Amino acid sequence: MTTLPVDLSEAEGPATSSRPPRPGVVERLTQILDVFTHGNERLLLDDITDATGLPRSTAFRLLSQMVELDWLEHDVAGYQLGPRALRIGMRGHDHSDVRAAAADQLNALQLRTGGVAHLSVLEGSSVHYLDKVGGQALASIPSAVGSRLRADTTTSGHALLAWLEPESVDAMFARFTSRTRELPSLHSILVRVRQQHGLAYSPAEFCRMGIGTVAAPVIGPQGAVAAISVALRGGPRLEQIAPLVAHAARRTSAALFPNWTPPASSARRGR
């Protein structure tokens, strides 16, 4: 009987390697964009390499290409999302209904407090500022409509994060290893916000610019949909204007959801 030759290399299949496959270009670009979704509005090259694990030379090359194609912008302060990325983010998320519902309340709040009133929403782990009303005090508060800040670093962000499950908060921020040790402190703040019926405070003495802020969530059937806040230098104590901020948030909620009755307690019960 004739025995046919056997190609052992083919019979055994392709050689395997213990080395994990290198991520493709699309995956690496997605890693970079994800950093801006969950991180600060502006990032340095080192921030991006730390968050993605990409080699510095690879990250720089990809970032340069993304700047050329308008996905990102770059200046001496770092990288930020460019016009192409922002146009995509704005499609279907212009929040015009929230802005319209809050417009009168922001103006009334600014007149009654003398501070600067803000409207913001939670997008990923960032707070996106939709509106700012300040009158003569406008220039005294260095915030900007359209800007995005890490939610765990802002008073409005605390008012919004307090409505989330602790596990959701962990998922937002634990991936930033340099921030993991700060999670217990953040959870303590959110527990205090819930105990204060949803109001979040940042006293002026804790701010290097001497700005005090109080924020309240705008509540709907699915939880907090936005936050209204007042920031000011000097003037009345935050405890004095807090009821006005809470009232503006409730009136905005009523305008957004006219057929919905909020629960007796507007503060979510955290664990």
Protein backbone atom coordinates (compact mmCIF):
# COMPACT_ATOMS: atom_id res chain seq x y z
CA MET A 1 0.00 0.00 0.00
CA THR A 2 1.29 3.42 -0.96
CA THR A 3 1.43 5.98 1.80
CA LEU A 4 0.80 9.56 0.79
CA PRO A 5 3.21 12.16 2.18
CA VAL A 6 1.79 14.32 4.90
CA ASP A 7 2.65 18.01 5.31
CA LEU A 8 2.96 18.16 9.09
CA SER A 9 3.08 21.93 9.18
CA GLU A 10 -0.32 22.12 7.47
CA ALA A 11 -1.81 19.29 9.53
CA GLU A 12 -0.84 20.91 12.77
CA GLY A 13 -2.27 24.27 11.72
CA PRO A 14 -0.58 27.68 11.76
CA ALA A 15 1.92 28.40 14.47
CA THR A 16 0.48 30.30 17.37
CA SER A 17 2.12 33.01 19.44
CA SER A 18 1.56 33.95 23.03
CA ARG A 19 1.96 37.62 22.12
CA PRO A 20 -1.44 39.43 22.00
CA PRO A 21 -2.35 40.90 18.62
CA ARG A 22 -1.38 44.52 18.14
CA PRO A 23 -4.42 46.83 18.05
CA GLY A 24 -5.34 48.12 14.62
CA VAL A 25 -5.39 51.74 13.57
CA VAL A 26 -9.14 52.10 14.08
CA GLU A 27 -8.88 50.63 17.57
CA ARG A 28 -6.04 53.01 18.48
CA LEU A 29 -7.94 56.03 17.14
CA THR A 30 -10.96 54.93 19.16
CA GLN A 31 -8.80 54.68 22.29
CA ILE A 32 -7.67 58.28 21.78
CA LEU A 33 -11.20 59.61 21.22
CA ASP A 34 -12.42 57.72 24.29
CA VAL A 35 -9.94 59.65 26.42
CA PHE A 36 -11.62 62.90 25.38
CA THR A 37 -15.06 61.42 26.03
CA HIS A 38 -14.20 60.51 29.62
CA GLY A 39 -11.42 62.96 30.40
CA ASN A 40 -10.74 66.67 30.58
CA GLU A 41 -11.59 68.99 27.72
CA ARG A 42 -7.89 69.62 26.99
CA LEU A 43 -5.22 66.96 27.27
CA LEU A 44 -1.46 66.87 26.90
CA LEU A 45 0.39 64.16 24.99
CA ASP A 46 1.47 62.55 28.27
CA ASP A 47 -2.16 62.44 29.47
CA ILE A 48 -3.17 60.58 26.32
CA THR A 49 -0.31 58.08 26.42
CA ASP A 50 -0.96 57.39 30.12
CA ALA A 51 -4.66 56.75 29.51
CA THR A 52 -4.30 54.66 26.33
CA GLY A 53 -1.02 52.85 26.96
CA LEU A 54 0.12 53.75 23.43
CA PRO A 55 3.81 54.38 22.79
CA ARG A 56 4.60 58.09 22.80
CA SER A 57 5.79 58.10 19.16
CA THR A 58 2.68 56.22 17.99
CA ALA A 59 0.32 58.52 19.91
CA PHE A 60 2.05 61.63 18.55
CA ARG A 61 1.83 60.36 14.96
CA LEU A 62 -1.88 59.51 15.27
CA LEU A 63 -2.67 62.78 17.04
CA SER A 64 -0.93 64.76 14.30
CA GLN A 65 -3.01 63.01 11.64
CA MET A 66 -6.20 63.61 13.61
CA VAL A 67 -5.34 67.31 13.87
CA GLU A 68 -4.77 67.50 10.09
CA LEU A 69 -8.20 65.94 9.51
CA ASP A 70 -9.99 68.24 12.02
CA TRP A 71 -10.84 65.43 14.45
CA LEU A 72 -8.72 67.26 17.03
CA GLU A 73 -7.28 70.72 17.56
CA HIS A 74 -3.88 71.45 19.08
CA ASP A 75 -2.26 74.51 20.66
CA VAL A 76 0.13 75.28 23.51
CA ALA A 77 -2.53 74.22 26.05
CA GLY A 78 -2.83 70.72 24.57
CA TYR A 79 -5.25 68.75 22.40
CA GLN A 80 -9.03 69.09 22.30
CA LEU A 81 -11.85 67.81 20.12
CA GLY A 82 -11.92 69.44 16.72
CA PRO A 83 -14.81 70.70 14.58
CA ARG A 84 -15.35 67.36 12.82
CA ALA A 85 -15.78 65.47 16.11
CA LEU A 86 -17.95 68.20 17.60
CA ARG A 87 -20.28 68.23 14.59
CA ILE A 88 -20.89 64.51 15.03
CA GLY A 89 -21.45 64.92 18.77
CA MET A 90 -24.00 67.67 18.20
CA ARG A 91 -26.21 65.62 15.87
CA GLY A 92 -29.33 64.72 17.82
CA HIS A 93 -27.86 66.12 21.05
CA ASP A 94 -28.36 69.86 20.80
CA HIS A 95 -30.39 69.85 24.07
CA SER A 96 -32.60 72.62 22.68
CA ASP A 97 -35.55 71.44 24.75
CA VAL A 98 -33.57 71.71 28.00
CA ARG A 99 -32.21 75.13 27.08
CA ALA A 100 -35.67 76.44 26.21
CA ALA A 101 -37.19 75.11 29.44
CA ALA A 102 -34.45 76.65 31.58
CA ALA A 103 -34.04 80.02 29.83
CA ASP A 104 -36.49 82.05 31.93
CA GLN A 105 -35.35 80.38 35.14
CA LEU A 106 -31.70 81.19 34.49
CA ASN A 107 -32.49 84.85 33.89
CA ALA A 108 -34.65 85.11 37.00
CA LEU A 109 -32.04 83.29 39.07
CA GLN A 110 -29.28 85.61 37.92
CA LEU A 111 -31.33 88.72 38.75
CA ARG A 112 -32.26 87.45 42.22
CA THR A 113 -28.78 86.28 43.23
CA GLY A 114 -26.44 88.63 41.39
CA GLY A 115 -24.30 85.63 40.46
CA VAL A 116 -23.74 83.75 37.22
CA ALA A 117 -26.33 81.07 36.42
CA HIS A 118 -25.36 77.98 34.44
CA LEU A 119 -27.21 75.12 32.75
CA SER A 120 -25.30 71.89 32.18
CA VAL A 121 -25.84 68.24 31.28
CA LEU A 122 -23.91 65.05 31.93
CA GLU A 123 -22.28 63.57 28.81
CA GLY A 124 -20.29 60.46 29.63
CA SER A 125 -18.13 61.41 32.57
CA SER A 126 -18.03 65.09 31.60
CA VAL A 127 -20.28 68.05 32.31
CA HIS A 128 -21.24 70.00 29.19
CA TYR A 129 -22.20 73.63 29.81
CA LEU A 130 -25.17 74.59 27.65
CA ASP A 131 -25.90 78.13 28.86
CA LYS A 132 -24.47 80.92 31.01
CA VAL A 133 -26.31 84.04 32.21
CA GLY A 134 -24.38 86.57 34.23
CA GLY A 135 -25.30 90.20 33.64
CA GLN A 136 -22.59 92.46 35.09
CA ALA A 137 -20.99 89.49 36.86
CA LEU A 138 -20.52 87.54 33.63
CA ALA A 139 -16.81 88.24 33.23
CA SER A 140 -16.05 87.42 36.87
CA ILE A 141 -16.63 83.67 36.36
CA PRO A 142 -14.24 81.99 33.85
CA SER A 143 -16.70 79.45 32.45
CA ALA A 144 -17.75 79.10 28.82
CA VAL A 145 -20.79 77.81 26.99
CA GLY A 146 -19.87 74.63 25.15
CA SER A 147 -17.00 73.74 27.46
CA ARG A 148 -16.71 70.30 29.04
CA LEU A 149 -15.16 69.50 32.41
CA ARG A 150 -14.71 66.28 34.35
CA ALA A 151 -17.96 65.78 36.25
CA ASP A 152 -16.19 64.71 39.44
CA THR A 153 -14.41 68.09 39.61
CA THR A 154 -17.47 70.35 39.34
CA THR A 155 -20.39 71.21 41.62
CA SER A 156 -22.91 70.64 38.81
CA GLY A 157 -21.28 67.29 38.16
CA HIS A 158 -21.76 66.28 41.79
CA ALA A 159 -25.45 67.20 41.60
CA LEU A 160 -25.81 64.98 38.52
CA LEU A 161 -23.61 62.07 39.60
CA ALA A 162 -25.52 61.77 42.89
CA TRP A 163 -28.44 60.33 40.89
CA LEU A 164 -26.39 57.47 39.49
CA GLU A 165 -25.74 54.09 41.03
CA PRO A 166 -22.35 53.95 42.79
CA GLU A 167 -21.30 51.19 40.39
CA SER A 168 -21.94 53.50 37.43
CA VAL A 169 -19.80 56.20 39.01
CA ASP A 170 -17.02 53.67 39.55
CA ALA A 171 -17.21 52.60 35.91
CA MET A 172 -16.85 56.21 34.77
CA PHE A 173 -13.73 57.06 36.73
CA ALA A 174 -11.97 53.88 37.85
CA ARG A 175 -10.36 53.40 34.43
CA PHE A 176 -8.20 56.45 35.14
CA THR A 177 -5.77 54.72 37.45
CA SER A 178 -4.35 57.96 38.81
CA ARG A 179 -7.86 58.83 40.02
CA THR A 180 -8.80 55.48 41.56
CA ARG A 181 -7.62 56.48 45.01
CA GLU A 182 -10.00 59.44 44.89
CA LEU A 183 -13.14 57.36 44.33
CA PRO A 184 -13.92 56.95 48.07
CA SER A 185 -13.71 60.73 48.48
CA LEU A 186 -16.04 61.25 45.51
CA HIS A 187 -18.57 58.79 46.92
CA SER A 188 -18.51 60.64 50.25
CA ILE A 189 -19.34 63.86 48.44
CA LEU A 190 -22.22 62.23 46.56
CA VAL A 191 -23.65 60.76 49.76
CA ARG A 192 -23.64 64.26 51.26
CA VAL A 193 -25.39 65.65 48.17
CA ARG A 194 -28.15 63.07 48.54
CA GLN A 195 -28.51 63.96 52.21
CA GLN A 196 -28.89 67.61 51.16
CA HIS A 197 -31.89 66.72 48.95
CA GLY A 198 -29.83 66.86 45.78
CA LEU A 199 -28.09 70.20 46.41
CA ALA A 200 -24.34 70.34 45.84
CA TYR A 201 -22.14 73.04 47.36
CA SER A 202 -18.61 74.27 46.71
CA PRO A 203 -17.74 77.04 49.21
CA ALA A 204 -15.58 79.93 48.02
CA GLU A 205 -12.90 79.19 50.63
CA PHE A 206 -12.23 75.84 48.95
CA CYS A 207 -11.68 77.45 45.53
CA ARG A 208 -8.35 79.10 44.73
CA MET A 209 -10.23 81.73 42.70
CA GLY A 210 -12.61 82.51 45.57
CA ILE A 211 -15.71 81.36 43.68
CA GLY A 212 -18.61 79.75 45.53
CA THR A 213 -21.08 77.51 43.71
CA VAL A 214 -24.36 75.77 44.48
CA ALA A 215 -26.09 73.39 42.05
CA ALA A 216 -29.38 71.49 41.87
CA PRO A 217 -30.48 68.73 39.48
CA VAL A 218 -33.34 69.04 37.01
CA ILE A 219 -35.27 65.82 37.57
CA GLY A 220 -37.36 63.84 35.11
CA PRO A 221 -38.94 60.37 34.98
CA GLN A 222 -35.53 58.77 34.27
CA GLY A 223 -33.58 60.77 36.85
CA ALA A 224 -31.42 63.88 36.52
CA VAL A 225 -31.44 65.31 33.00
CA ALA A 226 -29.55 68.56 33.69
CA ALA A 227 -28.23 70.77 36.45
CA ILE A 228 -28.75 74.44 37.25
CA SER A 229 -26.08 76.23 39.25
CA VAL A 230 -25.08 79.68 40.46
CA ALA A 231 -21.48 80.75 40.87
CA LEU A 232 -20.45 84.00 42.53
CA ARG A 233 -17.64 85.87 44.22
CA GLY A 234 -18.70 87.33 47.55
CA GLY A 235 -22.36 88.23 47.87
CA PRO A 236 -24.88 86.16 49.84
CA ARG A 237 -23.98 82.86 51.46
CA LEU A 238 -24.59 79.75 49.39
CA GLU A 239 -27.16 78.50 51.91
CA GLN A 240 -29.21 81.64 51.25
CA ILE A 241 -29.39 81.21 47.50
CA ALA A 242 -29.69 77.41 47.51
CA PRO A 243 -33.53 77.49 47.79
CA LEU A 244 -33.64 79.77 44.73
CA VAL A 245 -31.46 77.37 42.74
CA ALA A 246 -33.61 74.41 43.79
CA HIS A 247 -36.77 76.33 42.83
CA ALA A 248 -35.34 77.14 39.38
CA ALA A 249 -34.49 73.46 38.85
CA ARG A 250 -38.02 72.39 39.83
CA ARG A 251 -39.61 74.97 37.51
CA THR A 252 -37.39 73.78 34.66
CA SER A 253 -38.41 70.19 35.35
CA ALA A 254 -42.09 71.18 35.30
CA ALA A 255 -41.62 72.89 31.93
CA LEU A 256 -39.83 69.86 30.48
CA PHE A 257 -42.22 67.24 31.87
CA PRO A 258 -45.63 68.93 32.33
CA ASN A 259 -47.49 65.62 32.70
CA TRP A 260 -45.09 64.08 35.21
CA THR A 261 -45.34 64.41 38.97
CA PRO A 262 -41.98 64.19 40.77
CA PRO A 263 -41.66 61.93 43.82
CA ALA A 264 -42.15 63.40 47.28
CA SER A 265 -38.39 63.52 47.84
CA SER A 266 -36.31 64.93 44.99
CA ALA A 267 -33.11 63.38 46.32
CA ARG A 268 -32.16 59.90 45.17
CA ARG A 269 -31.62 57.42 47.98
CA GLY A 270 -28.04 56.28 47.68
CA ARG A 271 -26.66 53.16 49.19
